[in-house]
């Protein structure tokens, strides 16, 4: 079993499939997620695939996705 810490360089996470939203724009401004061995989920900036990855538990990602689907974070991308 692997133990990945927050901020680990994404290049040190091997054997996983990074997934990017189909809503990502052509310049790649998006985040990518990968399921890690053991069930945790890593998140990285698609513009910096070798940069740091944040690691969350499956439950943390599930709660975030529920909130996003319910529109709880819509104000984060509202008009400035």
N, C-alpha and C. Protein backbone atom coordinates (compact mmCIF):
# COMPACT_ATOMS: atom_id res chain seq x y z
N UNK A 1 0.84 -1.19 0.00
CA UNK A 1 0.00 0.00 0.00
C UNK A 1 0.88 1.24 0.00
N UNK A 2 0.47 2.25 -0.72
CA UNK A 2 1.20 3.51 -0.82
C UNK A 2 0.62 4.51 0.17
N UNK A 3 1.48 5.39 0.63
CA UNK A 3 1.03 6.47 1.50
C UNK A 3 1.47 7.78 0.86
N UNK A 4 0.54 8.46 0.21
CA UNK A 4 0.86 9.70 -0.50
C UNK A 4 0.52 10.90 0.37
N UNK A 5 1.44 11.83 0.47
CA UNK A 5 1.25 13.04 1.27
C UNK A 5 0.82 14.20 0.38
N UNK A 6 0.08 15.15 0.94
CA UNK A 6 -0.29 16.36 0.20
C UNK A 6 0.95 17.09 -0.25
N UNK A 7 0.91 17.58 -1.48
CA UNK A 7 2.02 18.32 -2.03
C UNK A 7 3.06 17.44 -2.72
N UNK A 8 2.81 16.13 -2.77
CA UNK A 8 3.74 15.24 -3.45
C UNK A 8 3.82 15.63 -4.93
N UNK A 9 5.01 15.65 -5.52
CA UNK A 9 5.07 15.91 -6.96
C UNK A 9 4.25 14.86 -7.71
N UNK A 10 3.38 15.31 -8.59
CA UNK A 10 2.51 14.38 -9.31
C UNK A 10 3.30 13.36 -10.10
N UNK A 11 4.53 13.70 -10.49
CA UNK A 11 5.37 12.75 -11.23
C UNK A 11 5.76 11.55 -10.38
N UNK A 12 5.63 11.67 -9.06
CA UNK A 12 5.96 10.55 -8.17
C UNK A 12 4.78 9.62 -7.97
N UNK A 13 3.67 9.94 -8.58
CA UNK A 13 2.48 9.08 -8.51
C UNK A 13 2.39 8.35 -9.84
N UNK A 14 2.76 7.09 -9.84
CA UNK A 14 2.78 6.34 -11.10
C UNK A 14 1.71 5.25 -11.10
N UNK A 15 1.40 4.79 -12.28
CA UNK A 15 0.45 3.69 -12.42
C UNK A 15 -1.00 4.09 -12.20
N UNK A 16 -1.31 5.38 -12.33
CA UNK A 16 -2.69 5.85 -12.18
C UNK A 16 -3.12 6.53 -13.47
N UNK A 17 -4.42 6.65 -13.63
CA UNK A 17 -4.97 7.35 -14.80
C UNK A 17 -5.53 8.68 -14.35
N UNK A 18 -4.96 9.78 -14.87
CA UNK A 18 -5.43 11.12 -14.56
C UNK A 18 -6.62 11.43 -15.46
N UNK A 19 -7.68 11.97 -14.88
CA UNK A 19 -8.90 12.29 -15.61
C UNK A 19 -9.16 13.78 -15.54
N UNK A 20 -9.44 14.37 -16.73
CA UNK A 20 -9.75 15.80 -16.82
C UNK A 20 -11.18 15.93 -17.33
N UNK A 21 -11.88 16.92 -16.86
CA UNK A 21 -13.26 17.17 -17.28
C UNK A 21 -13.34 17.44 -18.77
N UNK A 22 -14.39 16.97 -19.40
CA UNK A 22 -14.63 17.29 -20.81
C UNK A 22 -15.00 18.76 -20.97
N UNK A 23 -15.30 19.46 -19.88
CA UNK A 23 -15.59 20.89 -19.91
C UNK A 23 -14.33 21.75 -19.94
N UNK A 24 -13.17 21.12 -19.81
CA UNK A 24 -11.91 21.85 -19.84
C UNK A 24 -11.76 22.58 -21.16
N UNK A 25 -11.21 23.79 -21.10
CA UNK A 25 -11.06 24.56 -22.34
C UNK A 25 -9.79 24.14 -23.08
N UNK A 26 -9.64 24.53 -24.34
CA UNK A 26 -8.50 24.09 -25.15
C UNK A 26 -7.13 24.45 -24.57
N UNK A 27 -7.04 25.50 -23.76
CA UNK A 27 -5.74 25.86 -23.19
C UNK A 27 -5.40 25.01 -21.98
N UNK A 28 -6.29 24.10 -21.60
CA UNK A 28 -5.98 23.16 -20.52
C UNK A 28 -6.19 23.69 -19.13
N UNK A 29 -6.95 24.77 -18.98
CA UNK A 29 -7.19 25.32 -17.66
C UNK A 29 -8.18 24.47 -16.89
N UNK A 30 -7.67 23.48 -16.22
CA UNK A 30 -8.55 22.56 -15.51
C UNK A 30 -7.74 21.84 -14.43
N UNK A 31 -8.40 21.02 -13.67
CA UNK A 31 -7.72 20.14 -12.74
C UNK A 31 -7.94 18.71 -13.21
N UNK A 32 -7.07 17.83 -12.79
CA UNK A 32 -7.18 16.42 -13.11
C UNK A 32 -7.19 15.63 -11.81
N UNK A 33 -7.93 14.55 -11.81
CA UNK A 33 -8.02 13.69 -10.64
C UNK A 33 -7.58 12.28 -11.00
N UNK A 34 -7.02 11.57 -10.02
CA UNK A 34 -6.61 10.18 -10.20
C UNK A 34 -6.95 9.40 -8.93
N UNK A 35 -7.51 8.22 -9.12
CA UNK A 35 -7.76 7.32 -7.98
C UNK A 35 -6.45 6.64 -7.64
N UNK A 36 -6.08 6.71 -6.37
CA UNK A 36 -4.82 6.14 -5.90
C UNK A 36 -5.05 4.74 -5.33
N UNK A 37 -4.00 3.93 -5.29
CA UNK A 37 -4.13 2.64 -4.62
C UNK A 37 -4.59 2.86 -3.17
N UNK A 38 -5.55 2.12 -2.73
CA UNK A 38 -6.08 2.31 -1.38
C UNK A 38 -7.33 3.16 -1.35
N UNK A 39 -7.68 3.82 -2.47
CA UNK A 39 -8.93 4.54 -2.55
C UNK A 39 -8.86 6.05 -2.44
N UNK A 40 -7.73 6.62 -2.00
CA UNK A 40 -7.63 8.07 -1.96
C UNK A 40 -7.65 8.64 -3.38
N UNK A 41 -7.82 9.96 -3.48
CA UNK A 41 -7.89 10.62 -4.78
C UNK A 41 -6.88 11.77 -4.78
N UNK A 42 -6.09 11.84 -5.86
CA UNK A 42 -5.12 12.93 -6.02
C UNK A 42 -5.69 13.93 -7.01
N UNK A 43 -5.37 15.20 -6.80
CA UNK A 43 -5.83 16.29 -7.65
C UNK A 43 -4.61 17.12 -8.04
N UNK A 44 -4.48 17.43 -9.34
CA UNK A 44 -3.36 18.25 -9.81
C UNK A 44 -3.86 19.28 -10.82
N UNK A 45 -3.05 20.31 -11.05
CA UNK A 45 -3.33 21.33 -12.04
C UNK A 45 -2.94 20.79 -13.40
N UNK A 46 -3.87 20.79 -14.35
CA UNK A 46 -3.57 20.21 -15.66
C UNK A 46 -2.50 20.99 -16.41
N UNK A 47 -2.30 22.27 -16.08
CA UNK A 47 -1.25 23.06 -16.73
C UNK A 47 0.13 22.78 -16.16
N UNK A 48 0.19 22.07 -15.02
CA UNK A 48 1.46 21.74 -14.37
C UNK A 48 1.41 20.29 -13.92
N UNK A 49 1.40 19.34 -14.87
CA UNK A 49 1.21 17.94 -14.51
C UNK A 49 2.31 17.35 -13.65
N UNK A 50 3.45 17.99 -13.59
CA UNK A 50 4.52 17.50 -12.73
C UNK A 50 4.57 18.20 -11.39
N UNK A 51 3.69 19.19 -11.22
CA UNK A 51 3.67 19.97 -9.99
C UNK A 51 3.06 19.20 -8.83
N UNK A 52 2.77 19.90 -7.76
CA UNK A 52 2.26 19.22 -6.57
C UNK A 52 0.84 18.68 -6.77
N UNK A 53 0.57 17.58 -6.12
CA UNK A 53 -0.77 16.98 -6.12
C UNK A 53 -1.32 17.04 -4.69
N UNK A 54 -2.57 17.39 -4.58
CA UNK A 54 -3.25 17.34 -3.30
C UNK A 54 -3.96 16.00 -3.19
N UNK A 55 -3.91 15.39 -2.03
CA UNK A 55 -4.47 14.06 -1.83
C UNK A 55 -5.62 14.13 -0.84
N UNK A 56 -6.75 13.56 -1.24
CA UNK A 56 -7.96 13.57 -0.43
C UNK A 56 -8.47 12.15 -0.26
N UNK A 57 -9.21 11.93 0.83
CA UNK A 57 -9.85 10.63 1.00
C UNK A 57 -11.03 10.54 0.04
N UNK A 58 -11.47 9.34 -0.20
CA UNK A 58 -12.63 9.12 -1.05
C UNK A 58 -13.84 9.87 -0.50
N UNK A 59 -13.99 9.86 0.81
CA UNK A 59 -15.12 10.53 1.46
C UNK A 59 -15.05 12.04 1.28
N UNK A 60 -13.86 12.62 1.37
CA UNK A 60 -13.71 14.07 1.17
C UNK A 60 -14.10 14.46 -0.25
N UNK A 61 -13.66 13.69 -1.23
CA UNK A 61 -14.02 13.98 -2.62
C UNK A 61 -15.52 13.82 -2.83
N UNK A 62 -16.10 12.79 -2.24
CA UNK A 62 -17.54 12.56 -2.39
C UNK A 62 -18.34 13.74 -1.83
N UNK A 63 -17.95 14.27 -0.68
CA UNK A 63 -18.67 15.40 -0.09
C UNK A 63 -18.49 16.66 -0.93
N UNK A 64 -17.28 16.87 -1.47
CA UNK A 64 -17.06 18.01 -2.35
C UNK A 64 -17.94 17.91 -3.59
N UNK A 65 -17.98 16.75 -4.22
CA UNK A 65 -18.78 16.57 -5.42
C UNK A 65 -20.27 16.77 -5.14
N UNK A 66 -20.74 16.30 -4.00
CA UNK A 66 -22.15 16.53 -3.64
C UNK A 66 -22.43 18.04 -3.54
N UNK A 67 -21.53 18.77 -2.89
CA UNK A 67 -21.70 20.22 -2.77
C UNK A 67 -21.65 20.91 -4.12
N UNK A 68 -20.71 20.47 -4.98
CA UNK A 68 -20.61 21.07 -6.31
C UNK A 68 -21.86 20.81 -7.13
N UNK A 69 -22.37 19.61 -7.06
CA UNK A 69 -23.59 19.27 -7.81
C UNK A 69 -24.79 20.06 -7.31
N UNK A 70 -24.78 20.40 -6.03
CA UNK A 70 -25.88 21.18 -5.45
C UNK A 70 -25.70 22.68 -5.65
N UNK A 71 -24.61 23.09 -6.29
CA UNK A 71 -24.39 24.50 -6.59
C UNK A 71 -23.77 25.31 -5.46
N UNK A 72 -23.27 24.64 -4.41
CA UNK A 72 -22.73 25.36 -3.26
C UNK A 72 -21.51 26.21 -3.59
N UNK A 73 -20.83 25.92 -4.67
CA UNK A 73 -19.60 26.65 -5.01
C UNK A 73 -19.75 27.52 -6.24
N UNK A 74 -20.96 27.68 -6.73
CA UNK A 74 -21.21 28.46 -7.94
C UNK A 74 -20.68 29.89 -7.81
N UNK A 75 -20.73 30.46 -6.62
CA UNK A 75 -20.25 31.82 -6.41
C UNK A 75 -18.76 31.99 -6.59
N UNK A 76 -18.02 30.89 -6.57
CA UNK A 76 -16.57 30.95 -6.75
C UNK A 76 -16.18 31.37 -8.16
N UNK A 77 -17.05 31.15 -9.13
CA UNK A 77 -16.74 31.47 -10.52
C UNK A 77 -17.71 32.52 -11.06
N UNK A 78 -18.36 33.21 -10.14
CA UNK A 78 -19.31 34.26 -10.55
C UNK A 78 -18.58 35.46 -11.11
N UNK A 79 -19.35 36.45 -11.44
CA UNK A 79 -18.78 37.67 -12.02
C UNK A 79 -17.88 38.37 -11.02
N UNK A 80 -16.81 38.95 -11.55
CA UNK A 80 -15.87 39.68 -10.66
C UNK A 80 -16.03 41.16 -10.79
